[in-house]
Amino acid sequence: MLITEEAKELLQPFLEARGLEGLRLTVETGEFGPQFAITFDEPQEFDVVQEIKGIRVAIDAQLSDTDLLTLDVEETPEGRGIVLRN
């Protein structure tokens, strides 16, 4: 998994202001099948924990092939937000 500089610049102050150490990438079952989800939960027992650009990322053990994922920033009418690109 990659984190762009822009995503890092948006995430780090958010995490620090809330006393969070990192984020967690998990999979949830949605209406159209499995979907990735980004949460701010603590790592679970079998998660793979990585430090990426100074941000702790816990990856759900059920996920594979996360090497091609990129955490980036997207501009929307509501403002800037984090997006996960595949």
PDB file of N, CA and C in Angstrom:
ATOM      1  N   MET A   1       0.849  -1.175   0.000  1.00  0.00           N
ATOM      2  CA  MET A   1       0.000   0.000   0.000  1.00  0.00           C
ATOM      3  C   MET A   1       0.892   1.235   0.000  1.00  0.00           C
ATOM      4  N   LEU A   2       0.460   2.217  -0.761  1.00  0.00           N
ATOM      5  CA  LEU A   2       1.175   3.485  -0.823  1.00  0.00           C
ATOM      6  C   LEU A   2       0.309   4.589  -0.215  1.00  0.00           C
ATOM      7  N   ILE A   3       0.967   5.584   0.342  1.00  0.00           N
ATOM      8  CA  ILE A   3       0.285   6.786   0.818  1.00  0.00           C
ATOM      9  C   ILE A   3       0.946   7.963   0.122  1.00  0.00           C
ATOM     10  N   THR A   4       0.162   8.750  -0.605  1.00  0.00           N
ATOM     11  CA  THR A   4       0.734   9.908  -1.288  1.00  0.00           C
ATOM     12  C   THR A   4       1.120  10.972  -0.257  1.00  0.00           C
ATOM     13  N   GLU A   5       2.011  11.870  -0.655  1.00  0.00           N
ATOM     14  CA  GLU A   5       2.415  12.973   0.223  1.00  0.00           C
ATOM     15  C   GLU A   5       1.209  13.820   0.610  1.00  0.00           C
ATOM     16  N   GLU A   6       0.331  14.044  -0.357  1.00  0.00           N
ATOM     17  CA  GLU A   6      -0.866  14.859  -0.105  1.00  0.00           C
ATOM     18  C   GLU A   6      -1.762  14.197   0.948  1.00  0.00           C
ATOM     19  N   ALA A   7      -1.914  12.865   0.856  1.00  0.00           N
ATOM     20  CA  ALA A   7      -2.719  12.140   1.844  1.00  0.00           C
ATOM     21  C   ALA A   7      -2.056  12.191   3.218  1.00  0.00           C
ATOM     22  N   LYS A   8      -0.750  12.050   3.251  1.00  0.00           N
ATOM     23  CA  LYS A   8      -0.010  12.126   4.515  1.00  0.00           C
ATOM     24  C   LYS A   8      -0.212  13.489   5.171  1.00  0.00           C
ATOM     25  N   GLU A   9      -0.125  14.562   4.376  1.00  0.00           N
ATOM     26  CA  GLU A   9      -0.283  15.917   4.899  1.00  0.00           C
ATOM     27  C   GLU A   9      -1.692  16.167   5.435  1.00  0.00           C
ATOM     28  N   LEU A  10      -2.677  15.477   4.887  1.00  0.00           N
ATOM     29  CA  LEU A  10      -4.053  15.612   5.360  1.00  0.00           C
ATOM     30  C   LEU A  10      -4.300  14.727   6.584  1.00  0.00           C
ATOM     31  N   LEU A  11      -3.734  13.521   6.580  1.00  0.00           N
ATOM     32  CA  LEU A  11      -3.977  12.556   7.650  1.00  0.00           C
ATOM     33  C   LEU A  11      -3.240  12.867   8.949  1.00  0.00           C
ATOM     34  N   GLN A  12      -1.966  13.229   8.873  1.00  0.00           N
ATOM     35  CA  GLN A  12      -1.172  13.382  10.097  1.00  0.00           C
ATOM     36  C   GLN A  12      -1.768  14.377  11.092  1.00  0.00           C
ATOM     37  N   PRO A  13      -2.146  15.584  10.675  1.00  0.00           N
ATOM     38  CA  PRO A  13      -2.752  16.507  11.649  1.00  0.00           C
ATOM     39  C   PRO A  13      -4.075  15.974  12.214  1.00  0.00           C
ATOM     40  N   PHE A  14      -4.858  15.290  11.383  1.00  0.00           N
ATOM     41  CA  PHE A  14      -6.125  14.700  11.824  1.00  0.00           C
ATOM     42  C   PHE A  14      -5.871  13.675  12.925  1.00  0.00           C
ATOM     43  N   LEU A  15      -4.917  12.771  12.681  1.00  0.00           N
ATOM     44  CA  LEU A  15      -4.596  11.731  13.656  1.00  0.00           C
ATOM     45  C   LEU A  15      -4.050  12.340  14.946  1.00  0.00           C
ATOM     46  N   GLU A  16      -3.118  13.276  14.820  1.00  0.00           N
ATOM     47  CA  GLU A  16      -2.490  13.896  15.992  1.00  0.00           C
ATOM     48  C   GLU A  16      -3.507  14.662  16.839  1.00  0.00           C
ATOM     49  N   ALA A  17      -4.405  15.388  16.200  1.00  0.00           N
ATOM     50  CA  ALA A  17      -5.400  16.182  16.924  1.00  0.00           C
ATOM     51  C   ALA A  17      -6.350  15.304  17.734  1.00  0.00           C
ATOM     52  N   ARG A  18      -6.520  14.071  17.313  1.00  0.00           N
ATOM     53  CA  ARG A  18      -7.437  13.153  17.987  1.00  0.00           C
ATOM     54  C   ARG A  18      -6.716  12.114  18.843  1.00  0.00           C
ATOM     55  N   GLY A  19      -5.401  12.215  18.908  1.00  0.00           N
ATOM     56  CA  GLY A  19      -4.631  11.265  19.711  1.00  0.00           C
ATOM     57  C   GLY A  19      -4.622   9.860  19.144  1.00  0.00           C
ATOM     58  N   LEU A  20      -4.797   9.747  17.828  1.00  0.00           N
ATOM     59  CA  LEU A  20      -4.810   8.437  17.179  1.00  0.00           C
ATOM     60  C   LEU A  20      -3.424   8.100  16.658  1.00  0.00           C
ATOM     61  N   GLU A  21      -3.098   6.814  16.677  1.00  0.00           N
ATOM     62  CA  GLU A  21      -1.780   6.387  16.220  1.00  0.00           C
ATOM     63  C   GLU A  21      -1.751   6.004  14.746  1.00  0.00           C
ATOM     64  N   GLY A  22      -2.900   5.699  14.181  1.00  0.00           N
ATOM     65  CA  GLY A  22      -2.896   5.281  12.784  1.00  0.00           C
ATOM     66  C   GLY A  22      -4.285   4.924  12.315  1.00  0.00           C
ATOM     67  N   LEU A  23      -4.325   4.164  11.250  1.00  0.00           N
ATOM     68  CA  LEU A  23      -5.600   3.763  10.676  1.00  0.00           C
ATOM     69  C   LEU A  23      -5.594   2.269  10.400  1.00  0.00           C
ATOM     70  N   ARG A  24      -6.763   1.751  10.073  1.00  0.00           N
ATOM     71  CA  ARG A  24      -6.914   0.325   9.805  1.00  0.00           C
ATOM     72  C   ARG A  24      -7.645   0.153   8.484  1.00  0.00           C
ATOM     73  N   LEU A  25      -7.105  -0.723   7.650  1.00  0.00           N
ATOM     74  CA  LEU A  25      -7.714  -1.063   6.370  1.00  0.00           C
ATOM     75  C   LEU A  25      -8.374  -2.420   6.531  1.00  0.00           C
ATOM     76  N   THR A  26      -9.659  -2.473   6.257  1.00  0.00           N
ATOM     77  CA  THR A  26     -10.417  -3.700   6.439  1.00  0.00           C
ATOM     78  C   THR A  26     -11.339  -3.912   5.248  1.00  0.00           C
ATOM     79  N   VAL A  27     -12.031  -5.018   5.246  1.00  0.00           N
ATOM     80  CA  VAL A  27     -12.984  -5.300   4.177  1.00  0.00           C
ATOM     81  C   VAL A  27     -14.359  -5.474   4.812  1.00  0.00           C
ATOM     82  N   GLU A  28     -15.355  -4.867   4.194  1.00  0.00           N
ATOM     83  CA  GLU A  28     -16.730  -4.976   4.667  1.00  0.00           C
ATOM     84  C   GLU A  28     -17.594  -5.493   3.534  1.00  0.00           C
ATOM     85  N   THR A  29     -18.635  -6.212   3.887  1.00  0.00           N
ATOM     86  CA  THR A  29     -19.556  -6.708   2.877  1.00  0.00           C
ATOM     87  C   THR A  29     -20.585  -5.624   2.602  1.00  0.00           C
ATOM     88  N   GLY A  30     -20.614  -5.177   1.350  1.00  0.00           N
ATOM     89  CA  GLY A  30     -21.550  -4.137   0.955  1.00  0.00           C
ATOM     90  C   GLY A  30     -22.627  -4.693   0.044  1.00  0.00           C
ATOM     91  N   GLU A  31     -23.458  -3.819  -0.434  1.00  0.00           N
ATOM     92  CA  GLU A  31     -24.567  -4.197  -1.313  1.00  0.00           C
ATOM     93  C   GLU A  31     -24.073  -4.866  -2.593  1.00  0.00           C
ATOM     94  N   PHE A  32     -22.900  -4.449  -3.071  1.00  0.00           N
ATOM     95  CA  PHE A  32     -22.364  -4.978  -4.321  1.00  0.00           C
ATOM     96  C   PHE A  32     -21.163  -5.883  -4.089  1.00  0.00           C
ATOM     97  N   GLY A  33     -21.079  -6.483  -2.911  1.00  0.00           N
ATOM     98  CA  GLY A  33     -19.973  -7.378  -2.605  1.00  0.00           C
ATOM     99  C   GLY A  33     -18.984  -6.732  -1.656  1.00  0.00           C
ATOM    100  N   PRO A  34     -17.831  -7.358  -1.494  1.00  0.00           N
ATOM    101  CA  PRO A  34     -16.834  -6.841  -0.556  1.00  0.00           C
ATOM    102  C   PRO A  34     -16.307  -5.472  -0.976  1.00  0.00           C
ATOM    103  N   GLN A  35     -16.103  -4.607   0.016  1.00  0.00           N
ATOM    104  CA  GLN A  35     -15.563  -3.273  -0.233  1.00  0.00           C
ATOM    105  C   GLN A  35     -14.511  -2.958   0.824  1.00  0.00           C
ATOM    106  N   PHE A  36     -13.483  -2.224   0.424  1.00  0.00           N
ATOM    107  CA  PHE A  36     -12.474  -1.777   1.374  1.00  0.00           C
ATOM    108  C   PHE A  36     -13.069  -0.693   2.263  1.00  0.00           C
ATOM    109  N   ALA A  37     -12.612  -0.653   3.501  1.00  0.00           N
ATOM    110  CA  ALA A  37     -13.031   0.393   4.432  1.00  0.00           C
ATOM    111  C   ALA A  37     -11.811   0.876   5.202  1.00  0.00           C
ATOM    112  N   ILE A  38     -11.740   2.170   5.437  1.00  0.00           N
ATOM    113  CA  ILE A  38     -10.677   2.757   6.242  1.00  0.00           C
ATOM    114  C   ILE A  38     -11.312   3.196   7.554  1.00  0.00           C
ATOM    115  N   THR A  39     -10.776   2.682   8.656  1.00  0.00           N
ATOM    116  CA  THR A  39     -11.281   3.045   9.976  1.00  0.00           C
ATOM    117  C   THR A  39     -10.115   3.537  10.831  1.00  0.00           C
ATOM    118  N   PHE A  40     -10.437   4.034  11.995  1.00  0.00           N
ATOM    119  CA  PHE A  40      -9.402   4.487  12.922  1.00  0.00           C
ATOM    120  C   PHE A  40      -9.376   3.591  14.151  1.00  0.00           C
ATOM    121  N   ASP A  41      -9.751   2.326  13.951  1.00  0.00           N
ATOM    122  CA  ASP A  41      -9.744   1.328  15.016  1.00  0.00           C
ATOM    123  C   ASP A  41      -8.322   0.878  15.329  1.00  0.00           C
ATOM    124  N   GLU A  42      -8.164   0.305  16.504  1.00  0.00           N
ATOM    125  CA  GLU A  42      -6.883  -0.290  16.885  1.00  0.00           C
ATOM    126  C   GLU A  42      -6.655  -1.555  16.059  1.00  0.00           C
ATOM    127  N   PRO A  43      -5.397  -1.919  15.839  1.00  0.00           N
ATOM    128  CA  PRO A  43      -5.112  -3.162  15.112  1.00  0.00           C
ATOM    129  C   PRO A  43      -5.721  -4.363  15.828  1.00  0.00           C
ATOM    130  N   GLN A  44      -6.186  -5.314  15.044  1.00  0.00           N
ATOM    131  CA  GLN A  44      -6.718  -6.559  15.580  1.00  0.00           C
ATOM    132  C   GLN A  44      -5.601  -7.597  15.650  1.00  0.00           C
ATOM    133  N   GLU A  45      -5.876  -8.705  16.314  1.00  0.00           N
ATOM    134  CA  GLU A  45      -4.854  -9.712  16.606  1.00  0.00           C
ATOM    135  C   GLU A  45      -4.068 -10.180  15.388  1.00  0.00           C
ATOM    136  N   PHE A  46      -4.726 -10.419  14.273  1.00  0.00           N
ATOM    137  CA  PHE A  46      -4.041 -10.997  13.117  1.00  0.00           C
ATOM    138  C   PHE A  46      -3.740  -9.980  12.014  1.00  0.00           C
ATOM    139  N   ASP A  47      -3.943  -8.704  12.290  1.00  0.00           N
ATOM    140  CA  ASP A  47      -3.632  -7.672  11.299  1.00  0.00           C
ATOM    141  C   ASP A  47      -2.135  -7.632  11.000  1.00  0.00           C
ATOM    142  N   VAL A  48      -1.826  -7.210   9.801  1.00  0.00           N
ATOM    143  CA  VAL A  48      -0.445  -6.931   9.425  1.00  0.00           C
ATOM    144  C   VAL A  48      -0.256  -5.429   9.628  1.00  0.00           C
ATOM    145  N   VAL A  49       0.683  -5.056  10.476  1.00  0.00           N
ATOM    146  CA  VAL A  49       0.883  -3.646  10.802  1.00  0.00           C
ATOM    147  C   VAL A  49       2.146  -3.150  10.113  1.00  0.00           C
ATOM    148  N   GLN A  50       1.995  -2.051   9.376  1.00  0.00           N
ATOM    149  CA  GLN A  50       3.114  -1.447   8.653  1.00  0.00           C
ATOM    150  C   GLN A  50       3.204   0.035   9.017  1.00  0.00           C
ATOM    151  N   GLU A  51       4.388   0.570   8.907  1.00  0.00           N
ATOM    152  CA  GLU A  51       4.599   2.010   9.050  1.00  0.00           C
ATOM    153  C   GLU A  51       4.830   2.538   7.639  1.00  0.00           C
ATOM    154  N   ILE A  52       3.918   3.382   7.148  1.00  0.00           N
ATOM    155  CA  ILE A  52       4.020   3.913   5.795  1.00  0.00           C
ATOM    156  C   ILE A  52       4.050   5.434   5.888  1.00  0.00           C
ATOM    157  N   LYS A  53       5.153   6.022   5.498  1.00  0.00           N
ATOM    158  CA  LYS A  53       5.339   7.483   5.551  1.00  0.00           C
ATOM    159  C   LYS A  53       5.043   8.044   6.938  1.00  0.00           C
ATOM    160  N   GLY A  54       5.431   7.293   7.962  1.00  0.00           N
ATOM    161  CA  GLY A  54       5.245   7.757   9.330  1.00  0.00           C
ATOM    162  C   GLY A  54       3.855   7.533   9.887  1.00  0.00           C
ATOM    163  N   ILE A  55       2.995   6.846   9.150  1.00  0.00           N
ATOM    164  CA  ILE A  55       1.633   6.562   9.605  1.00  0.00           C
ATOM    165  C   ILE A  55       1.502   5.054   9.802  1.00  0.00           C
ATOM    166  N   ARG A  56       1.016   4.667  10.998  1.00  0.00           N
ATOM    167  CA  ARG A  56       0.801   3.240  11.253  1.00  0.00           C
ATOM    168  C   ARG A  56      -0.458   2.788  10.511  1.00  0.00           C
ATOM    169  N   VAL A  57      -0.319   1.739   9.720  1.00  0.00           N
ATOM    170  CA  VAL A  57      -1.438   1.188   8.968  1.00  0.00           C
ATOM    171  C   VAL A  57      -1.589  -0.276   9.352  1.00  0.00           C
ATOM    172  N   ALA A  58      -2.738  -0.620   9.923  1.00  0.00           N
ATOM    173  CA  ALA A  58      -3.055  -2.006  10.243  1.00  0.00           C
ATOM    174  C   ALA A  58      -3.919  -2.540   9.107  1.00  0.00           C
ATOM    175  N   ILE A  59      -3.490  -3.649   8.514  1.00  0.00           N
ATOM    176  CA  ILE A  59      -4.208  -4.221   7.371  1.00  0.00           C
ATOM    177  C   ILE A  59      -4.840  -5.535   7.800  1.00  0.00           C
ATOM    178  N   ASP A  60      -6.143  -5.613   7.647  1.00  0.00           N
ATOM    179  CA  ASP A  60      -6.905  -6.807   7.996  1.00  0.00           C
ATOM    180  C   ASP A  60      -6.260  -8.031   7.356  1.00  0.00           C
ATOM    181  N   ALA A  61      -6.072  -9.078   8.126  1.00  0.00           N
ATOM    182  CA  ALA A  61      -5.416 -10.294   7.642  1.00  0.00           C
ATOM    183  C   ALA A  61      -6.190 -10.952   6.496  1.00  0.00           C
ATOM    184  N   GLN A  62      -7.479 -10.653   6.359  1.00  0.00           N
ATOM    185  CA  GLN A  62      -8.285 -11.222   5.274  1.00  0.00           C
ATOM    186  C   GLN A  62      -7.937 -10.620   3.914  1.00  0.00           C
ATOM    187  N   LEU A  63      -7.288  -9.475   3.925  1.00  0.00           N
ATOM    188  CA  LEU A  63      -6.967  -8.787   2.676  1.00  0.00           C
ATOM    189  C   LEU A  63      -5.659  -9.305   2.103  1.00  0.00           C
ATOM    190  N   SER A  64      -5.649  -9.438   0.808  1.00  0.00           N
ATOM    191  CA  SER A  64      -4.404  -9.784   0.128  1.00  0.00           C
ATOM    192  C   SER A  64      -4.232  -8.806  -1.022  1.00  0.00           C
ATOM    193  N   ASP A  65      -3.054  -8.752  -1.552  1.00  0.00           N
ATOM    194  CA  ASP A  65      -2.784  -7.892  -2.704  1.00  0.00           C
ATOM    195  C   ASP A  65      -3.036  -6.415  -2.427  1.00  0.00           C
ATOM    196  N   THR A  66      -2.598  -5.945  -1.293  1.00  0.00           N
ATOM    197  CA  THR A  66      -2.769  -4.523  -0.979  1.00  0.00           C
ATOM    198  C   THR A  66      -1.625  -3.684  -1.535  1.00  0.00           C
ATOM    199  N   ASP A  67      -0.647  -4.333  -2.155  1.00  0.00           N
ATOM    200  CA  ASP A  67       0.496  -3.604  -2.717  1.00  0.00           C
ATOM    201  C   ASP A  67       0.077  -2.610  -3.794  1.00  0.00           C
ATOM    202  N   LEU A  68      -1.040  -2.859  -4.456  1.00  0.00           N
ATOM    203  CA  LEU A  68      -1.481  -1.993  -5.548  1.00  0.00           C
ATOM    204  C   LEU A  68      -2.436  -0.889  -5.089  1.00  0.00           C
ATOM    205  N   LEU A  69      -2.707  -0.817  -3.790  1.00  0.00           N
ATOM    206  CA  LEU A  69      -3.610   0.205  -3.266  1.00  0.00           C
ATOM    207  C   LEU A  69      -2.848   1.483  -2.947  1.00  0.00           C
ATOM    208  N   THR A  70      -3.500   2.610  -3.198  1.00  0.00           N
ATOM    209  CA  THR A  70      -2.911   3.913  -2.890  1.00  0.00           C
ATOM    210  C   THR A  70      -3.920   4.754  -2.127  1.00  0.00           C
ATOM    211  N   LEU A  71      -3.496   5.271  -0.988  1.00  0.00           N
ATOM    212  CA  LEU A  71      -4.298   6.210  -0.224  1.00  0.00           C
ATOM    213  C   LEU A  71      -3.952   7.598  -0.741  1.00  0.00           C
ATOM    214  N   ASP A  72      -4.967   8.313  -1.232  1.00  0.00           N
ATOM    215  CA  ASP A  72      -4.736   9.587  -1.898  1.00  0.00           C
ATOM    216  C   ASP A  72      -5.775  10.596  -1.420  1.00  0.00           C
ATOM    217  N   VAL A  73      -5.716  11.788  -1.954  1.00  0.00           N
ATOM    218  CA  VAL A  73      -6.665  12.851  -1.625  1.00  0.00           C
ATOM    219  C   VAL A  73      -7.484  13.168  -2.864  1.00  0.00           C
ATOM    220  N   GLU A  74      -8.774  13.386  -2.643  1.00  0.00           N
ATOM    221  CA  GLU A  74      -9.664  13.734  -3.747  1.00  0.00           C
ATOM    222  C   GLU A  74     -10.408  15.008  -3.374  1.00  0.00           C
ATOM    223  N   GLU A  75     -10.521  15.891  -4.339  1.00  0.00           N
ATOM    224  CA  GLU A  75     -11.253  17.145  -4.150  1.00  0.00           C
ATOM    225  C   GLU A  75     -12.716  16.902  -4.520  1.00  0.00           C
ATOM    226  N   THR A  76     -13.630  17.236  -3.604  1.00  0.00           N
ATOM    227  CA  THR A  76     -15.059  17.088  -3.856  1.00  0.00           C
ATOM    228  C   THR A  76     -15.737  18.428  -3.572  1.00  0.00           C
ATOM    229  N   PRO A  77     -17.001  18.580  -3.938  1.00  0.00           N
ATOM    230  CA  PRO A  77     -17.706  19.825  -3.616  1.00  0.00           C
ATOM    231  C   PRO A  77     -17.743  20.108  -2.106  1.00  0.00           C
ATOM    232  N   GLU A  78     -17.665  19.048  -1.286  1.00  0.00           N
ATOM    233  CA  GLU A  78     -17.677  19.202   0.167  1.00  0.00           C
ATOM    234  C   GLU A  78     -16.294  19.516   0.733  1.00  0.00           C
ATOM    235  N   GLY A  79     -15.262  19.410  -0.086  1.00  0.00           N
ATOM    236  CA  GLY A  79     -13.893  19.655   0.373  1.00  0.00           C
ATOM    237  C   GLY A  79     -12.982  18.487   0.039  1.00  0.00           C
ATOM    238  N   ARG A  80     -11.789  18.526   0.617  1.00  0.00           N
ATOM    239  CA  ARG A  80     -10.812  17.470   0.365  1.00  0.00           C
ATOM    240  C   ARG A  80     -11.100  16.278   1.266  1.00  0.00           C
ATOM    241  N   GLY A  81     -10.888  15.079   0.708  1.00  0.00           N
ATOM    242  CA  GLY A  81     -11.103  13.866   1.484  1.00  0.00           C
ATOM    243  C   GLY A  81     -10.159  12.767   1.051  1.00  0.00           C
ATOM    244  N   ILE A  82     -10.004  11.791   1.904  1.00  0.00           N
ATOM    245  CA  ILE A  82      -9.144  10.646   1.631  1.00  0.00           C
ATOM    246  C   ILE A  82      -9.896   9.652   0.760  1.00  0.00           C
ATOM    247  N   VAL A  83      -9.191   9.106  -0.214  1.00  0.00           N
ATOM    248  CA  VAL A  83      -9.769   8.108  -1.107  1.00  0.00           C
ATOM    249  C   VAL A  83      -8.761   6.972  -1.265  1.00  0.00           C
ATOM    250  N   LEU A  84      -9.282   5.762  -1.414  1.00  0.00           N
ATOM    251  CA  LEU A  84      -8.447   4.587  -1.628  1.00  0.00           C
ATOM    252  C   LEU A  84      -8.557   4.198  -3.092  1.00  0.00           C
ATOM    253  N   ARG A  85      -7.436   4.254  -3.787  1.00  0.00           N
ATOM    254  CA  ARG A  85      -7.416   3.925  -5.216  1.00  0.00           C
ATOM    255  C   ARG A  85      -6.814   2.540  -5.405  1.00  0.00           C
ATOM    256  N   ASN A  86      -7.384   1.804  -6.348  1.00  0.00           N
ATOM    257  CA  ASN A  86      -6.921   0.450  -6.641  1.00  0.00           C
ATOM    258  C   ASN A  86      -6.204   0.442  -7.963  1.00  0.00           C
TER     259      ASN A  86
END
